[in-house]
Amino acid sequence: MGLCADGSAATSLHPEAAEVHVDLGAAVGRAQQGDGEAFRLLYRDIQPRLLRYLHAIAGQDAEDIASETWLQVTRDLPGFAGTYDGFRGWVATIARHRALDHLRKSTRRPALPVPAEDLAAWPATGAAADTAQTALDTVATQNAVALIATLPPDQAEAVLLRAVLGLDAATAAHILGKRPGAIRTAAHRGLKTLHKKLENGEG
């Protein structure tokens, strides 16, 4: 899911996207009942976006923080109640708290680059089987995340949660402890700034 220029979530026109979303919603319940395949399905859907988000806020420690996040998710999953969108928001909240704790402990500034070894770990399935296209997409993603990091912190995090993780404004607002309108405004301003930077050849 992407963002429109006004900061609202763009919806997919593909009916198969709705089917996948429904399947992921059912997977949450099955994972809570101990279905390992359902949990793997959720992990494969969320993990790539989660890593991009964590790389933007925690740099090279993103994988360690993601691992800690998933450990907590597996431990606390039986107590989770909600939809798939709620689940994604819950995972993002855990990840953000873990990242902020880590940053407080390390007291170093977040870094952005995605290590090259991350590319080798990506499975070659479906549309991603084209290695050249995957590499091009990754470079574009790295540049986009690096460009997002140049925004003021409130705008950067709003854009990351909305565009990178694909969360709705209400879920992103809950994670950041703000109102949905403030998130939409921050995302809109951030996207507008990014657009200007791209027009000026900064991306």
C-alpha atoms as a PDB file:
ATOM      1  CA  MET A   1       0.000   0.000   0.000  1.00  0.00           C
ATOM      2  CA  GLY A   2       1.348   3.420  -0.912  1.00  0.00           C
ATOM      3  CA  LEU A   3       0.391   6.956  -0.040  1.00  0.00           C
ATOM      4  CA  CYS A   4      -1.424   9.527  -2.071  1.00  0.00           C
ATOM      5  CA  ALA A   5      -0.049  13.074  -2.195  1.00  0.00           C
ATOM      6  CA  ASP A   6      -2.524  14.081   0.531  1.00  0.00           C
ATOM      7  CA  GLY A   7      -1.029  11.504   2.907  1.00  0.00           C
ATOM      8  CA  SER A   8      -3.999   9.146   2.699  1.00  0.00           C
ATOM      9  CA  ALA A   9      -3.462   5.468   1.999  1.00  0.00           C
ATOM     10  CA  ALA A  10      -3.721   4.425  -1.613  1.00  0.00           C
ATOM     11  CA  THR A  11      -5.863   1.365  -2.199  1.00  0.00           C
ATOM     12  CA  SER A  12      -5.060  -1.433  -4.578  1.00  0.00           C
ATOM     13  CA  LEU A  13      -7.175  -2.009  -7.655  1.00  0.00           C
ATOM     14  CA  HIS A  14      -6.159  -5.665  -7.773  1.00  0.00           C
ATOM     15  CA  PRO A  15      -8.752  -8.112  -6.388  1.00  0.00           C
ATOM     16  CA  GLU A  16      -6.023 -10.630  -5.551  1.00  0.00           C
ATOM     17  CA  ALA A  17      -4.592  -8.086  -3.087  1.00  0.00           C
ATOM     18  CA  ALA A  18      -7.872  -8.216  -1.152  1.00  0.00           C
ATOM     19  CA  GLU A  19      -7.724 -12.029  -1.138  1.00  0.00           C
ATOM     20  CA  VAL A  20      -4.172 -11.997   0.246  1.00  0.00           C
ATOM     21  CA  HIS A  21      -5.254  -9.496   2.914  1.00  0.00           C
ATOM     22  CA  VAL A  22      -8.149 -11.787   3.908  1.00  0.00           C
ATOM     23  CA  ASP A  23      -5.786 -14.786   4.049  1.00  0.00           C
ATOM     24  CA  LEU A  24      -3.377 -12.834   6.246  1.00  0.00           C
ATOM     25  CA  GLY A  25      -6.247 -11.888   8.546  1.00  0.00           C
ATOM     26  CA  ALA A  26      -7.074 -15.557   8.996  1.00  0.00           C
ATOM     27  CA  ALA A  27      -3.373 -16.336   9.444  1.00  0.00           C
ATOM     28  CA  VAL A  28      -3.251 -14.191  12.595  1.00  0.00           C
ATOM     29  CA  GLY A  29      -5.849 -16.392  14.286  1.00  0.00           C
ATOM     30  CA  ARG A  30      -4.182 -19.587  13.101  1.00  0.00           C
ATOM     31  CA  ALA A  31      -0.763 -18.372  14.281  1.00  0.00           C
ATOM     32  CA  GLN A  32      -2.238 -17.663  17.713  1.00  0.00           C
ATOM     33  CA  GLN A  33      -3.330 -21.289  17.809  1.00  0.00           C
ATOM     34  CA  GLY A  34       0.217 -22.471  17.115  1.00  0.00           C
ATOM     35  CA  ASP A  35       0.090 -22.893  13.314  1.00  0.00           C
ATOM     36  CA  GLY A  36       3.744 -22.453  12.281  1.00  0.00           C
ATOM     37  CA  GLU A  37       2.941 -22.052   8.580  1.00  0.00           C
ATOM     38  CA  ALA A  38       0.502 -19.226   9.362  1.00  0.00           C
ATOM     39  CA  PHE A  39       3.173 -17.493  11.439  1.00  0.00           C
ATOM     40  CA  ARG A  40       5.697 -17.881   8.597  1.00  0.00           C
ATOM     41  CA  LEU A  41       3.171 -16.308   6.218  1.00  0.00           C
ATOM     42  CA  LEU A  42       2.807 -13.286   8.527  1.00  0.00           C
ATOM     43  CA  TYR A  43       6.571 -13.041   8.993  1.00  0.00           C
ATOM     44  CA  ARG A  44       7.282 -13.151   5.236  1.00  0.00           C
ATOM     45  CA  ASP A  45       4.732 -10.411   4.631  1.00  0.00           C
ATOM     46  CA  ILE A  46       5.864  -8.030   7.382  1.00  0.00           C
ATOM     47  CA  GLN A  47       9.616  -8.637   7.772  1.00  0.00           C
ATOM     48  CA  PRO A  48      10.946  -6.897   4.606  1.00  0.00           C
ATOM     49  CA  ARG A  49       9.054  -3.670   5.355  1.00  0.00           C
ATOM     50  CA  LEU A  50       9.899  -3.920   9.045  1.00  0.00           C
ATOM     51  CA  LEU A  51      13.617  -4.158   8.216  1.00  0.00           C
ATOM     52  CA  ARG A  52      13.444  -1.086   5.960  1.00  0.00           C
ATOM     53  CA  TYR A  53      11.697   0.830   8.747  1.00  0.00           C
ATOM     54  CA  LEU A  54      14.234  -0.306  11.355  1.00  0.00           C
ATOM     55  CA  HIS A  55      17.202   0.462   9.066  1.00  0.00           C
ATOM     56  CA  ALA A  56      15.905   4.009   8.811  1.00  0.00           C
ATOM     57  CA  ILE A  57      15.610   4.520  12.557  1.00  0.00           C
ATOM     58  CA  ALA A  58      18.327   2.224  13.945  1.00  0.00           C
ATOM     59  CA  GLY A  59      20.846   1.690  11.147  1.00  0.00           C
ATOM     60  CA  GLN A  60      22.994  -1.433  11.045  1.00  0.00           C
ATOM     61  CA  ASP A  61      21.389  -2.876  14.173  1.00  0.00           C
ATOM     62  CA  ALA A  62      18.051  -3.281  12.398  1.00  0.00           C
ATOM     63  CA  GLU A  63      18.310  -7.061  12.042  1.00  0.00           C
ATOM     64  CA  ASP A  64      19.091  -7.556  15.730  1.00  0.00           C
ATOM     65  CA  ILE A  65      16.183  -5.321  16.693  1.00  0.00           C
ATOM     66  CA  ALA A  66      13.882  -7.145  14.264  1.00  0.00           C
ATOM     67  CA  SER A  67      14.912 -10.453  15.854  1.00  0.00           C
ATOM     68  CA  GLU A  68      14.128  -9.108  19.315  1.00  0.00           C
ATOM     69  CA  THR A  69      10.817  -7.824  17.983  1.00  0.00           C
ATOM     70  CA  TRP A  70       9.803 -11.214  16.585  1.00  0.00           C
ATOM     71  CA  LEU A  71      10.844 -12.951  19.814  1.00  0.00           C
ATOM     72  CA  GLN A  72       8.519 -10.674  21.745  1.00  0.00           C
ATOM     73  CA  VAL A  73       5.773 -11.175  19.142  1.00  0.00           C
ATOM     74  CA  THR A  74       5.983 -14.959  19.482  1.00  0.00           C
ATOM     75  CA  ARG A  75       5.953 -14.700  23.267  1.00  0.00           C
ATOM     76  CA  ASP A  76       2.992 -12.293  23.413  1.00  0.00           C
ATOM     77  CA  LEU A  77       0.998 -13.515  20.387  1.00  0.00           C
ATOM     78  CA  PRO A  78      -1.564 -15.548  22.370  1.00  0.00           C
ATOM     79  CA  GLY A  79      -2.657 -12.341  24.132  1.00  0.00           C
ATOM     80  CA  PHE A  80      -3.044 -10.306  20.941  1.00  0.00           C
ATOM     81  CA  ALA A  81      -6.585  -9.409  19.909  1.00  0.00           C
ATOM     82  CA  GLY A  82      -7.400  -7.715  16.634  1.00  0.00           C
ATOM     83  CA  THR A  83      -7.304  -7.752  12.864  1.00  0.00           C
ATOM     84  CA  TYR A  84      -4.356  -8.193  10.524  1.00  0.00           C
ATOM     85  CA  ASP A  85      -3.964  -4.396  10.292  1.00  0.00           C
ATOM     86  CA  GLY A  86      -3.964  -4.297  14.072  1.00  0.00           C
ATOM     87  CA  PHE A  87      -1.346  -7.041  14.092  1.00  0.00           C
ATOM     88  CA  ARG A  88       0.929  -5.059  11.766  1.00  0.00           C
ATOM     89  CA  GLY A  89       0.511  -2.006  13.985  1.00  0.00           C
ATOM     90  CA  TRP A  90       1.249  -4.100  17.070  1.00  0.00           C
ATOM     91  CA  VAL A  91       4.446  -5.470  15.498  1.00  0.00           C
ATOM     92  CA  ALA A  92       5.490  -1.944  14.435  1.00  0.00           C
ATOM     93  CA  THR A  93       4.888  -0.650  17.976  1.00  0.00           C
ATOM     94  CA  ILE A  94       7.051  -3.404  19.466  1.00  0.00           C
ATOM     95  CA  ALA A  95       9.775  -2.735  16.872  1.00  0.00           C
ATOM     96  CA  ARG A  96       9.722   1.001  17.501  1.00  0.00           C
ATOM     97  CA  HIS A  97       9.982   0.536  21.270  1.00  0.00           C
ATOM     98  CA  ARG A  98      12.853  -1.921  20.822  1.00  0.00           C
ATOM     99  CA  ALA A  99      14.641   0.464  18.433  1.00  0.00           C
ATOM    100  CA  LEU A 100      14.230   3.463  20.738  1.00  0.00           C
ATOM    101  CA  ASP A 101      15.493   1.428  23.699  1.00  0.00           C
ATOM    102  CA  HIS A 102      18.478   0.346  21.630  1.00  0.00           C
ATOM    103  CA  LEU A 103      19.220   3.907  20.516  1.00  0.00           C
ATOM    104  CA  ARG A 104      19.044   5.168  24.095  1.00  0.00           C
ATOM    105  CA  LYS A 105      21.534   2.501  25.150  1.00  0.00           C
ATOM    106  CA  SER A 106      23.926   3.028  22.260  1.00  0.00           C
ATOM    107  CA  THR A 107      23.573   6.852  22.161  1.00  0.00           C
ATOM    108  CA  ARG A 108      24.647   6.953  18.556  1.00  0.00           C
ATOM    109  CA  ARG A 109      22.898   8.578  15.642  1.00  0.00           C
ATOM    110  CA  PRO A 110      20.845   6.273  13.388  1.00  0.00           C
ATOM    111  CA  ALA A 111      22.429   5.268  10.096  1.00  0.00           C
ATOM    112  CA  LEU A 112      20.666   4.344   6.893  1.00  0.00           C
ATOM    113  CA  PRO A 113      22.438   2.036   4.466  1.00  0.00           C
ATOM    114  CA  VAL A 114      20.978  -1.410   3.838  1.00  0.00           C
ATOM    115  CA  PRO A 115      23.854  -3.917   3.823  1.00  0.00           C
ATOM    116  CA  ALA A 116      24.559  -5.756   0.569  1.00  0.00           C
ATOM    117  CA  GLU A 117      24.222  -9.105   2.351  1.00  0.00           C
ATOM    118  CA  ASP A 118      20.499  -8.350   2.796  1.00  0.00           C
ATOM    119  CA  LEU A 119      20.140  -8.710  -0.970  1.00  0.00           C
ATOM    120  CA  ALA A 120      21.472 -12.263  -0.933  1.00  0.00           C
ATOM    121  CA  ALA A 121      18.926 -13.279   1.711  1.00  0.00           C
ATOM    122  CA  TRP A 122      15.929 -12.355  -0.450  1.00  0.00           C
ATOM    123  CA  PRO A 123      14.166 -15.352  -1.979  1.00  0.00           C
ATOM    124  CA  ALA A 124      13.876 -15.462  -5.756  1.00  0.00           C
ATOM    125  CA  THR A 125      10.178 -16.219  -6.161  1.00  0.00           C
ATOM    126  CA  GLY A 126       7.429 -14.823  -8.334  1.00  0.00           C
ATOM    127  CA  ALA A 127       8.074 -11.319  -9.651  1.00  0.00           C
ATOM    128  CA  ALA A 128      11.180 -11.070  -7.438  1.00  0.00           C
ATOM    129  CA  ALA A 129      12.847 -13.915  -9.369  1.00  0.00           C
ATOM    130  CA  ASP A 130      14.321 -11.336 -11.753  1.00  0.00           C
ATOM    131  CA  THR A 131      17.584 -10.593  -9.942  1.00  0.00           C
ATOM    132  CA  ALA A 132      18.338  -7.463 -11.949  1.00  0.00           C
ATOM    133  CA  GLN A 133      14.911  -5.992 -11.202  1.00  0.00           C
ATOM    134  CA  THR A 134      15.241  -6.878  -7.513  1.00  0.00           C
ATOM    135  CA  ALA A 135      18.628  -5.147  -7.371  1.00  0.00           C
ATOM    136  CA  LEU A 136      17.234  -2.044  -9.083  1.00  0.00           C
ATOM    137  CA  ASP A 137      14.258  -1.992  -6.728  1.00  0.00           C
ATOM    138  CA  THR A 138      16.594  -2.312  -3.741  1.00  0.00           C
ATOM    139  CA  VAL A 139      18.779   0.583  -4.847  1.00  0.00           C
ATOM    140  CA  ALA A 140      15.645   2.671  -5.361  1.00  0.00           C
ATOM    141  CA  THR A 141      14.399   1.644  -1.909  1.00  0.00           C
ATOM    142  CA  GLN A 142      17.752   2.466  -0.294  1.00  0.00           C
ATOM    143  CA  ASN A 143      17.751   5.884  -1.941  1.00  0.00           C
ATOM    144  CA  ALA A 144      14.148   6.487  -0.903  1.00  0.00           C
ATOM    145  CA  VAL A 145      14.787   5.525   2.731  1.00  0.00           C
ATOM    146  CA  ALA A 146      17.935   7.683   2.774  1.00  0.00           C
ATOM    147  CA  LEU A 147      15.958  10.603   1.347  1.00  0.00           C
ATOM    148  CA  ILE A 148      13.158  10.093   3.899  1.00  0.00           C
ATOM    149  CA  ALA A 149      15.774  10.273   6.666  1.00  0.00           C
ATOM    150  CA  THR A 150      16.579  13.867   5.623  1.00  0.00           C
ATOM    151  CA  LEU A 151      13.078  14.964   6.663  1.00  0.00           C
ATOM    152  CA  PRO A 152      12.297  16.389  10.106  1.00  0.00           C
ATOM    153  CA  PRO A 153      11.869  13.439  12.511  1.00  0.00           C
ATOM    154  CA  ASP A 154       8.067  13.690  12.851  1.00  0.00           C
ATOM    155  CA  GLN A 155       7.599  13.779   9.072  1.00  0.00           C
ATOM    156  CA  ALA A 156      10.140  11.021   8.445  1.00  0.00           C
ATOM    157  CA  GLU A 157       8.514   8.633  10.889  1.00  0.00           C
ATOM    158  CA  ALA A 158       5.025   9.410   9.585  1.00  0.00           C
ATOM    159  CA  VAL A 159       6.156   8.686   6.008  1.00  0.00           C
ATOM    160  CA  LEU A 160       7.989   5.513   7.102  1.00  0.00           C
ATOM    161  CA  LEU A 161       4.997   4.141   8.997  1.00  0.00           C
ATOM    162  CA  ARG A 162       2.496   5.072   6.283  1.00  0.00           C
ATOM    163  CA  ALA A 163       4.463   4.390   3.081  1.00  0.00           C
ATOM    164  CA  VAL A 164       7.104   1.831   4.059  1.00  0.00           C
ATOM    165  CA  LEU A 165       5.113  -0.222   6.565  1.00  0.00           C
ATOM    166  CA  GLY A 166       1.775   0.542   4.889  1.00  0.00           C
ATOM    167  CA  LEU A 167      -0.069   1.401   8.104  1.00  0.00           C
ATOM    168  CA  ASP A 168      -3.224   3.509   8.135  1.00  0.00           C
ATOM    169  CA  ALA A 169      -3.215   6.913   9.845  1.00  0.00           C
ATOM    170  CA  ALA A 170      -5.031   5.671  12.955  1.00  0.00           C
ATOM    171  CA  THR A 171      -2.559   2.827  13.546  1.00  0.00           C
ATOM    172  CA  ALA A 172       0.464   5.060  12.886  1.00  0.00           C
ATOM    173  CA  ALA A 173      -1.014   7.668  15.241  1.00  0.00           C
ATOM    174  CA  HIS A 174      -1.446   5.058  17.970  1.00  0.00           C
ATOM    175  CA  ILE A 175       2.200   3.970  17.585  1.00  0.00           C
ATOM    176  CA  LEU A 176       3.496   7.542  17.795  1.00  0.00           C
ATOM    177  CA  GLY A 177       1.033   8.703  20.450  1.00  0.00           C
ATOM    178  CA  LYS A 178      -0.451  11.364  18.170  1.00  0.00           C
ATOM    179  CA  ARG A 179      -3.775  12.110  16.496  1.00  0.00           C
ATOM    180  CA  PRO A 180      -4.483  10.584  13.046  1.00  0.00           C
ATOM    181  CA  GLY A 181      -4.867  14.091  11.585  1.00  0.00           C
ATOM    182  CA  ALA A 182      -1.378  15.005  12.802  1.00  0.00           C
ATOM    183  CA  ILE A 183       0.022  11.885  11.134  1.00  0.00           C
ATOM    184  CA  ARG A 184      -1.759  12.642   7.852  1.00  0.00           C
ATOM    185  CA  THR A 185      -0.452  16.222   7.964  1.00  0.00           C
ATOM    186  CA  ALA A 186       3.119  15.145   8.759  1.00  0.00           C
ATOM    187  CA  ALA A 187       3.044  12.505   6.005  1.00  0.00           C
ATOM    188  CA  HIS A 188       1.627  15.010   3.527  1.00  0.00           C
ATOM    189  CA  ARG A 189       4.274  17.604   4.364  1.00  0.00           C
ATOM    190  CA  GLY A 190       7.007  14.978   4.232  1.00  0.00           C
ATOM    191  CA  LEU A 191       5.860  13.680   0.848  1.00  0.00           C
ATOM    192  CA  LYS A 192       5.614  17.226  -0.482  1.00  0.00           C
ATOM    193  CA  THR A 193       9.184  17.930   0.676  1.00  0.00           C
ATOM    194  CA  LEU A 194      10.390  14.662  -0.861  1.00  0.00           C
ATOM    195  CA  HIS A 195       8.713  15.577  -4.141  1.00  0.00           C
ATOM    196  CA  LYS A 196      10.535  18.923  -4.177  1.00  0.00           C
ATOM    197  CA  LYS A 197      13.861  17.226  -3.392  1.00  0.00           C
ATOM    198  CA  LEU A 198      13.338  14.748  -6.223  1.00  0.00           C
ATOM    199  CA  GLU A 199      12.461  17.569  -8.621  1.00  0.00           C
ATOM    200  CA  ASN A 200      15.702  19.297  -7.612  1.00  0.00           C
ATOM    201  CA  GLY A 201      17.674  16.108  -8.334  1.00  0.00           C
ATOM    202  CA  GLU A 202      18.523  15.334  -4.714  1.00  0.00           C
ATOM    203  CA  GLY A 203      17.223  11.729  -4.916  1.00  0.00           C
END
